[in-house]
Protein backbone atom coordinates (compact mmCIF):
# COMPACT_ATOMS: atom_id res chain seq x y z
CA MET A 1 -17.10 -7.39 -12.75
CA ASN A 2 -15.73 -6.90 -9.30
CA ALA A 3 -14.85 -3.37 -7.87
CA TRP A 4 -11.15 -2.46 -7.87
CA HIS A 5 -10.87 -2.83 -4.07
CA ASP A 6 -12.07 -6.41 -4.20
CA TRP A 7 -9.38 -7.48 -6.58
CA PRO A 8 -6.36 -9.36 -4.94
CA ILE A 9 -3.52 -7.14 -4.22
CA THR A 10 -1.13 -8.93 -6.62
CA LYS A 11 -3.54 -8.31 -9.51
CA ARG A 12 -4.03 -4.68 -8.62
CA VAL A 13 -0.36 -4.06 -8.24
CA THR A 14 0.39 -5.83 -11.56
CA LEU A 15 -2.19 -3.88 -13.37
CA PHE A 16 -0.99 -0.65 -11.77
CA ALA A 17 2.70 -1.66 -12.74
CA GLY A 18 1.59 -2.44 -16.22
CA ALA A 19 -0.29 0.92 -16.73
CA MET A 20 2.60 2.82 -15.44
CA ALA A 21 5.20 0.86 -17.43
CA ALA A 22 3.10 1.45 -20.49
CA LEU A 23 2.86 5.09 -19.88
CA LEU A 24 6.48 5.61 -18.99
CA SER A 25 7.51 3.53 -21.96
CA ALA A 26 5.24 5.46 -24.34
CA MET A 27 6.68 8.83 -22.90
CA LEU A 28 10.19 7.61 -23.21
CA ALA A 29 9.62 6.44 -26.82
CA ALA A 30 7.95 9.78 -27.55
CA ALA A 31 10.83 11.54 -26.13
CA VAL A 32 13.41 9.45 -27.99
CA MET A 33 11.47 9.93 -31.31
CA LEU A 34 11.22 13.66 -30.59
CA ALA A 35 15.01 14.11 -29.94
CA ILE A 36 15.80 11.86 -33.10
CA HIS A 37 13.35 13.84 -35.24
CA ARG A 38 15.02 17.15 -34.11
CA TYR A 39 18.48 15.86 -34.75
CA ALA A 40 17.36 14.39 -38.26
CA THR A 41 15.60 17.82 -39.13
CA GLU A 42 18.62 19.69 -38.14
CA ASP A 43 20.80 17.43 -40.08
CA ARG A 44 18.63 17.68 -43.22
CA MET A 45 18.44 21.46 -42.77
CA SER A 46 22.38 21.50 -42.99
CA GLU A 47 22.47 19.36 -46.08
CA ILE A 48 20.02 21.72 -47.67
CA ALA A 49 21.94 24.81 -46.62
CA ALA A 50 25.09 23.15 -47.90
CA ASP A 51 23.57 22.47 -51.34
CA GLY A 52 22.46 26.14 -51.48
CA GLY A 53 25.73 27.29 -50.18
CA ARG A 54 27.62 25.57 -52.89
CA VAL A 55 25.34 26.85 -55.71
CA ALA A 56 25.46 30.41 -54.19
CA TYR A 57 29.36 30.15 -54.24
CA GLU A 58 29.28 29.15 -57.96
CA VAL A 59 26.89 31.93 -58.66
CA GLU A 60 29.23 34.58 -57.08
CA HIS A 61 32.30 33.04 -59.16
CA ASP A 62 30.31 32.53 -62.28
CA GLU A 63 30.92 28.87 -62.28
CA VAL A 64 27.26 27.30 -62.00
CA ARG A 65 27.37 23.69 -62.85
CA THR A 66 24.51 21.35 -63.72
CA PRO A 67 22.87 19.41 -62.16
CA LEU A 68 22.30 21.92 -59.41
CA VAL A 69 21.79 19.05 -56.77
CA GLU A 70 22.39 15.31 -56.76
CA HIS A 71 19.55 14.30 -54.51
CA ALA A 72 16.19 13.58 -56.46
CA ASP A 73 14.22 15.05 -53.70
CA ARG A 74 16.08 18.33 -53.34
CA ASN A 75 15.33 21.48 -55.37
CA VAL A 76 17.39 24.60 -56.12
CA GLN A 77 16.30 27.94 -57.57
CA ILE A 78 18.58 30.94 -58.58
CA VAL A 79 16.73 34.14 -58.51
CA ASP A 80 18.38 37.32 -59.81
CA ALA A 81 18.09 41.00 -58.40
CA THR A 82 14.69 41.44 -60.23
CA GLY A 83 13.14 38.36 -58.81
CA THR A 84 13.30 36.37 -61.85
CA VAL A 85 14.25 32.74 -61.71
CA VAL A 86 17.17 32.23 -63.96
CA ALA A 87 18.05 28.65 -63.34
CA SER A 88 16.37 25.77 -61.40
CA THR A 89 16.28 21.97 -61.00
CA PRO A 90 14.07 20.10 -63.46
CA GLN A 91 11.28 19.64 -61.07
CA LEU A 92 10.82 23.42 -60.72
CA ARG A 93 11.55 24.60 -64.34
CA GLY A 94 9.42 27.54 -65.52
CA ARG A 95 8.05 27.87 -62.03
CA PRO A 96 7.98 31.10 -59.80
CA PRO A 97 10.19 31.36 -56.74
CA MET A 98 9.55 28.55 -54.17
CA ALA A 99 9.22 30.93 -51.17
CA GLY A 100 8.24 34.57 -50.55
CA PHE A 101 10.90 35.41 -48.02
CA THR A 102 14.38 36.91 -48.82
CA PRO A 103 17.42 36.93 -46.80
CA ILE A 104 19.23 39.90 -45.55
CA PRO A 105 22.29 40.36 -47.79
CA ARG A 106 25.13 38.04 -46.70
CA THR A 107 22.85 36.04 -44.45
CA VAL A 108 20.86 32.81 -44.56
CA SER A 109 17.10 32.44 -43.80
CA THR A 110 15.17 29.37 -43.11
CA GLY A 111 11.51 28.42 -43.20
CA VAL A 112 9.00 25.65 -43.91
CA VAL A 113 6.73 25.98 -47.02
CA CYS A 114 3.46 23.94 -47.35
CA GLY A 115 1.54 24.14 -50.54
CA GLY A 116 2.36 26.46 -53.27
CA LEU A 117 4.94 24.83 -55.54
CA PHE A 118 4.86 21.88 -53.25
CA ALA A 119 1.05 21.30 -53.28
CA GLY A 120 0.50 17.65 -52.93
CA GLN A 121 4.10 16.94 -51.90
CA GLY A 122 3.79 17.77 -48.27
CA CYS A 123 5.77 20.46 -46.52
CA HIS A 124 9.43 21.41 -47.44
CA ILE A 125 12.19 23.00 -45.60
CA VAL A 126 13.39 26.12 -47.70
CA VAL A 127 16.81 27.84 -47.12
CA ALA A 128 17.31 31.22 -48.76
CA GLN A 129 20.86 32.28 -49.18
CA SER A 130 22.14 35.65 -50.80
CA ALA A 131 24.74 35.67 -53.42
CA TYR A 132 26.68 38.78 -54.48
CA ARG A 133 26.97 38.91 -58.36
CA GLN A 134 27.88 41.68 -60.60
CA GLY A 135 27.15 44.23 -57.93
CA GLN A 136 23.70 42.88 -57.21
CA ASP A 137 22.35 40.52 -54.57
CA TRP A 138 20.76 37.33 -55.97
CA ILE A 139 19.08 34.74 -53.92
CA VAL A 140 19.59 31.10 -54.09
CA TYR A 141 16.72 28.86 -52.85
CA SER A 142 17.38 25.32 -51.86
CA SER A 143 14.72 22.94 -50.44
CA GLY A 144 13.97 19.36 -49.33
CA PRO A 145 10.98 17.43 -47.86
CA THR A 146 10.56 17.73 -44.04
CA VAL A 147 11.51 14.82 -41.84
CA PRO A 148 8.34 12.90 -41.02
CA PRO A 149 7.40 12.29 -37.39
CA TYR A 150 8.47 8.67 -37.45
CA VAL A 151 11.90 9.69 -39.16
CA THR A 152 12.12 6.31 -41.01
CA PRO A 153 9.80 3.17 -40.69
CA TRP A 154 12.50 0.90 -39.23
CA LEU A 155 13.41 3.45 -36.58
CA ALA A 156 9.90 3.72 -35.50
CA ALA A 157 9.21 0.12 -35.46
CA THR A 158 12.60 -0.37 -33.42
CA VAL A 159 11.65 2.30 -30.78
CA LEU A 160 8.10 1.01 -30.61
CA GLY A 161 9.38 -2.65 -30.09
CA VAL A 162 11.97 -1.54 -27.34
CA ALA A 163 9.04 0.49 -25.69
CA VAL A 164 6.71 -2.63 -25.65
CA PHE A 165 9.62 -4.84 -24.34
CA MET A 166 10.35 -2.45 -21.51
CA ALA A 167 6.62 -2.33 -20.57
CA VAL A 168 6.38 -6.11 -20.44
CA ALA A 169 9.51 -6.57 -18.59
CA ILE A 170 8.72 -3.89 -15.98
CA THR A 171 5.29 -5.42 -15.60
CA THR A 172 6.64 -8.98 -15.14
CA LEU A 173 9.11 -7.62 -12.73
CA GLY A 174 6.69 -5.98 -10.75
CA HIS A 175 4.48 -8.97 -10.69
CA ARG A 176 7.39 -11.01 -9.37
CA ILE A 177 8.36 -8.52 -6.74
CA VAL A 178 4.88 -8.35 -5.27
CA THR A 179 4.37 -12.17 -5.48
CA THR A 180 7.63 -12.66 -3.66
CA ALA A 181 7.01 -10.03 -1.18
CA LEU A 182 3.56 -11.32 -0.39
CA ARG A 183 4.52 -14.97 -0.18
CA PRO A 184 5.10 -14.77 3.46
CA VAL A 185 1.64 -13.07 4.01
CA THR A 186 0.12 -16.19 2.36
CA ALA A 187 2.29 -18.43 4.72
CA ILE A 188 1.11 -16.35 7.63
CA ARG A 189 -2.62 -16.68 6.52
CA ALA A 190 -2.31 -20.37 6.01
CA GLU A 191 -0.74 -20.96 9.35
CA LEU A 192 -3.51 -18.78 11.18
CA ASP A 193 -6.18 -20.89 9.43
CA THR A 194 -4.83 -24.02 11.29
CA ILE A 195 -4.12 -22.53 14.78
CA SER A 196 -6.71 -23.31 17.36
CA GLU A 197 -7.32 -21.58 20.71
CA THR A 198 -5.30 -24.20 22.54
CA SER A 199 -2.40 -24.45 20.03
CA ASP A 200 1.12 -23.38 20.94
CA ARG A 201 1.97 -22.83 17.20
CA ARG A 202 2.97 -19.52 15.73
CA VAL A 203 3.09 -17.94 12.41
CA PRO A 204 6.39 -18.33 10.44
CA LEU A 205 8.91 -15.31 10.59
CA PRO A 206 10.07 -14.36 6.96
CA PRO A 207 13.79 -14.22 6.55
CA SER A 208 13.79 -10.44 5.53
CA HIS A 209 13.61 -7.95 8.48
CA ASP A 210 11.04 -5.76 6.78
CA GLU A 211 7.16 -4.78 7.52
CA ILE A 212 6.10 -8.22 6.95
CA TYR A 213 8.50 -9.38 9.68
CA ASP A 214 7.14 -6.95 12.03
CA LEU A 215 3.59 -7.96 11.16
CA ALA A 216 4.51 -11.57 11.88
CA GLY A 217 5.99 -10.69 15.09
CA SER A 218 2.98 -8.77 16.17
CA VAL A 219 0.69 -11.63 15.21
CA ASN A 220 2.82 -14.08 17.37
CA ARG A 221 2.66 -11.67 20.21
CA THR A 222 -1.05 -11.36 19.85
CA LEU A 223 -1.44 -15.19 19.72
CA ALA A 224 0.54 -15.47 22.83
CA ARG A 225 -1.81 -13.00 24.58
CA LEU A 226 -4.80 -14.66 23.30
CA GLN A 227 -3.54 -18.00 24.55
CA ALA A 228 -2.62 -16.63 27.84
CA ALA A 229 -6.22 -14.86 28.08
CA MET A 230 -7.83 -18.23 27.02
CA GLY A 231 -5.87 -19.98 29.80
CA GLN A 232 -6.95 -17.17 32.38
CA GLN A 233 -10.51 -17.63 31.18
CA ARG A 234 -10.45 -21.32 31.78
CA HIS A 235 -8.79 -20.89 35.14
CA PHE A 236 -11.49 -18.31 35.97
CA THR A 237 -14.35 -20.64 34.86
CA SER A 238 -12.81 -23.38 36.99
CA ASN A 239 -12.59 -21.02 40.02
CA ALA A 240 -16.06 -19.82 39.46
CA SER A 241 -17.50 -23.43 39.18
CA HIS A 242 -15.72 -24.44 42.37
CA GLU A 243 -16.92 -21.43 44.27
CA LEU A 244 -20.55 -22.23 43.02
CA ARG A 245 -20.38 -25.89 43.75
CA THR A 246 -19.41 -25.36 47.41
CA PRO A 247 -22.57 -23.50 48.42
CA ILE A 248 -24.67 -25.87 46.26
CA ALA A 249 -23.07 -28.82 48.06
CA ALA A 250 -23.74 -27.33 51.34
CA ILE A 251 -27.47 -26.83 50.57
CA ARG A 252 -27.70 -30.40 49.25
CA ALA A 253 -25.87 -31.76 52.47
CA GLU A 254 -28.37 -29.84 54.73
CA VAL A 255 -31.42 -30.93 52.67
CA GLU A 256 -30.15 -34.58 52.60
CA ASP A 257 -29.57 -34.47 56.39
CA ALA A 258 -33.10 -33.11 56.95
CA LEU A 259 -34.57 -35.80 54.81
CA TYR A 260 -32.62 -38.71 56.37
CA ALA A 261 -32.98 -37.49 60.00
CA PRO A 262 -36.00 -34.99 60.27
CA GLU A 263 -36.10 -35.34 63.98
CA ASP A 264 -32.45 -33.90 64.22
CA THR A 265 -33.34 -30.65 62.47
CA THR A 266 -35.92 -27.73 62.41
CA VAL A 267 -37.34 -25.71 59.75
CA PRO A 268 -35.76 -22.46 61.13
CA ARG A 269 -32.27 -24.16 61.33
CA LEU A 270 -32.43 -25.62 57.86
CA SER A 271 -33.83 -22.22 56.53
CA ARG A 272 -30.97 -20.26 58.08
CA THR A 273 -28.42 -22.74 56.68
CA VAL A 274 -29.94 -22.72 53.22
CA LEU A 275 -30.33 -18.92 53.23
CA ALA A 276 -26.66 -18.42 54.07
CA SER A 277 -25.71 -20.52 51.14
CA LEU A 278 -28.07 -18.90 48.81
CA ASP A 279 -26.64 -15.47 49.94
CA ARG A 280 -23.19 -16.82 48.98
CA ILE A 281 -24.48 -17.85 45.65
CA GLU A 282 -25.98 -14.57 45.05
CA ALA A 283 -22.82 -12.84 45.94
CA ILE A 284 -20.88 -14.96 43.48
CA VAL A 285 -23.56 -14.34 40.65
CA GLY A 286 -23.35 -10.65 41.45
CA ASP A 287 -19.51 -10.71 41.24
CA LEU A 288 -19.79 -12.38 37.87
CA LEU A 289 -22.16 -9.88 36.66
CA ASP A 290 -19.73 -7.10 37.69
CA ILE A 291 -16.87 -8.79 35.86
CA ALA A 292 -18.92 -9.01 32.90
CA ARG A 293 -19.71 -5.29 33.11
CA MET A 294 -16.14 -4.49 33.58
CA GLU A 295 -15.14 -6.41 30.61
CA ALA A 296 -17.71 -4.58 28.61
CA ASP A 297 -16.16 -1.24 29.71
CA GLN A 298 -19.15 -0.24 31.65
CA PRO A 299 -18.47 1.93 34.74
CA LEU A 300 -18.36 0.28 38.26
CA GLN A 301 -18.63 1.78 41.58
CA ARG A 302 -15.38 1.15 43.70
CA GLU A 303 -14.79 1.54 47.17
CA PRO A 304 -11.78 0.78 49.42
CA ILE A 305 -11.79 -2.47 51.59
CA ASP A 306 -10.06 -2.96 54.88
CA LEU A 307 -8.34 -6.24 54.02
CA ALA A 308 -7.67 -7.40 57.68
CA ALA A 309 -11.30 -6.54 58.67
CA PHE A 310 -12.81 -8.42 55.75
CA VAL A 311 -10.74 -11.60 56.27
CA THR A 312 -11.50 -11.40 59.94
CA ALA A 313 -15.42 -11.23 59.22
CA GLN A 314 -15.03 -14.23 56.82
CA CYS A 315 -13.17 -16.22 59.62
CA GLY A 316 -15.85 -15.18 62.21
CA ASP A 317 -18.60 -16.52 59.89
CA ARG A 318 -17.20 -19.97 60.03
CA ARG A 319 -17.74 -20.55 63.80
CA ASP A 320 -20.03 -23.51 62.95
CA THR A 321 -17.35 -25.41 60.95
CA PRO A 322 -15.84 -28.33 62.75
CA LEU A 323 -12.42 -26.99 61.46
CA ASP A 324 -10.25 -24.98 63.62
CA ILE A 325 -9.53 -21.63 61.93
CA SER A 326 -7.26 -19.02 63.38
CA CYS A 327 -6.52 -15.69 61.89
CA ASP A 328 -3.51 -13.72 62.60
CA LEU A 329 -3.72 -10.26 60.71
CA GLU A 330 -2.23 -6.94 60.80
CA PRO A 331 -5.01 -4.19 60.55
CA GLY A 332 -4.69 -1.07 58.24
CA ALA A 333 -4.25 -2.74 55.05
CA VAL A 334 -6.71 -0.98 52.65
CA VAL A 335 -7.07 -1.91 49.06
CA SER A 336 -9.40 -0.75 46.07
CA ALA A 337 -12.14 -3.23 45.40
CA GLY A 338 -11.51 -5.15 42.10
CA PHE A 339 -11.73 -8.44 40.29
CA ALA A 340 -9.49 -11.16 39.38
CA TYR A 341 -9.81 -14.82 38.78
CA ALA A 342 -11.12 -15.40 42.43
CA PRO A 343 -13.86 -12.93 43.01
CA PRO A 344 -14.67 -11.47 46.57
CA ALA A 345 -17.41 -13.93 47.04
CA GLY A 346 -14.72 -16.53 46.61
CA CYS A 347 -13.05 -15.30 49.73
CA ARG A 348 -16.09 -16.59 51.78
CA GLY A 349 -14.46 -20.21 51.80
CA THR A 350 -14.97 -22.90 54.32
CA SER A 351 -11.22 -23.53 55.10
CA THR A 352 -8.08 -21.66 55.91
CA GLU A 353 -7.13 -22.21 52.27
CA GLY A 354 -10.00 -20.10 51.20
CA ALA A 355 -8.90 -17.19 53.46
CA THR A 356 -5.38 -17.53 52.23
CA ARG A 357 -6.56 -17.34 48.53
CA CYS A 358 -8.61 -14.33 49.47
CA ALA A 359 -5.53 -12.46 50.95
CA THR A 360 -3.50 -13.33 48.15
CA TRP A 361 -6.10 -12.03 45.50
CA CYS A 362 -6.57 -8.72 47.30
CA THR A 363 -3.00 -7.98 47.68
């Protein structure tokens, strides 16, 4: 079985919503049953007290009628001042008083009696009321069974059914809400799976302006930055390839000239030309390594560069070219050394375009 954090969000939220719905529904059902049970208990206690109160009134007026109560599950006992039971319902005939507590004269006392006369019959609510007869205080006990926790079977079944229905409804609603909320995420993931590094496509924006809408916007902005970075990388690769091809082509030209016309060249002249091109290749490779280090967040040593002096030196190094190169520069422009898509070595071009590109990069 997978760990909890490996489950899909929809499944986790649905299970959590179901558990919470079941817990809340159970708590609500218990609270409802407790409230109904309390109300039913108070109602039954009032009925029992009313039965005893009627008999107490008849005792005081010497008008006791039988049967003492009309309900089969109710009992009444009349106890005289000496504690003798003088009258009772048929179920308790010949039995001692049903409770040991007595009320204060002219008051009513209530209690729950389990066992005793009610052994095997569960607990009973007993109400004791005083009755003033012939100058003495008599006691009228009235009783009835306590209300069970479920009150009645049909009521318990109804409350339980409603609780189950609520739990299922809340779970279903939670599942639908989560599924609907995550549907844009599924669309974003599906679109991301089909987007390539050269594609201009973007993930769809959901209609609702919520957190997922913000997420989709962030993804689109990230894709735009990645696309721009890929374009810059391709541009950089093109520039680096061009800069490397130039000295390589120069070396090839010098070597081919030496092979086809050995009498027109000398080893020192060929070596100086080749070494100059190799120096340029070495500088370009060093710049590429510096760029790689800078992208890896490794510290680089920076130093200021006099841009006018730098370009003038590059122009001076091209004295042997057949092209007419002129430099018109203003001194005093100092910049911090850095790297862009044309490295400093790329400034060592063989034409005026190369010098112009250098000046553009440095500024």
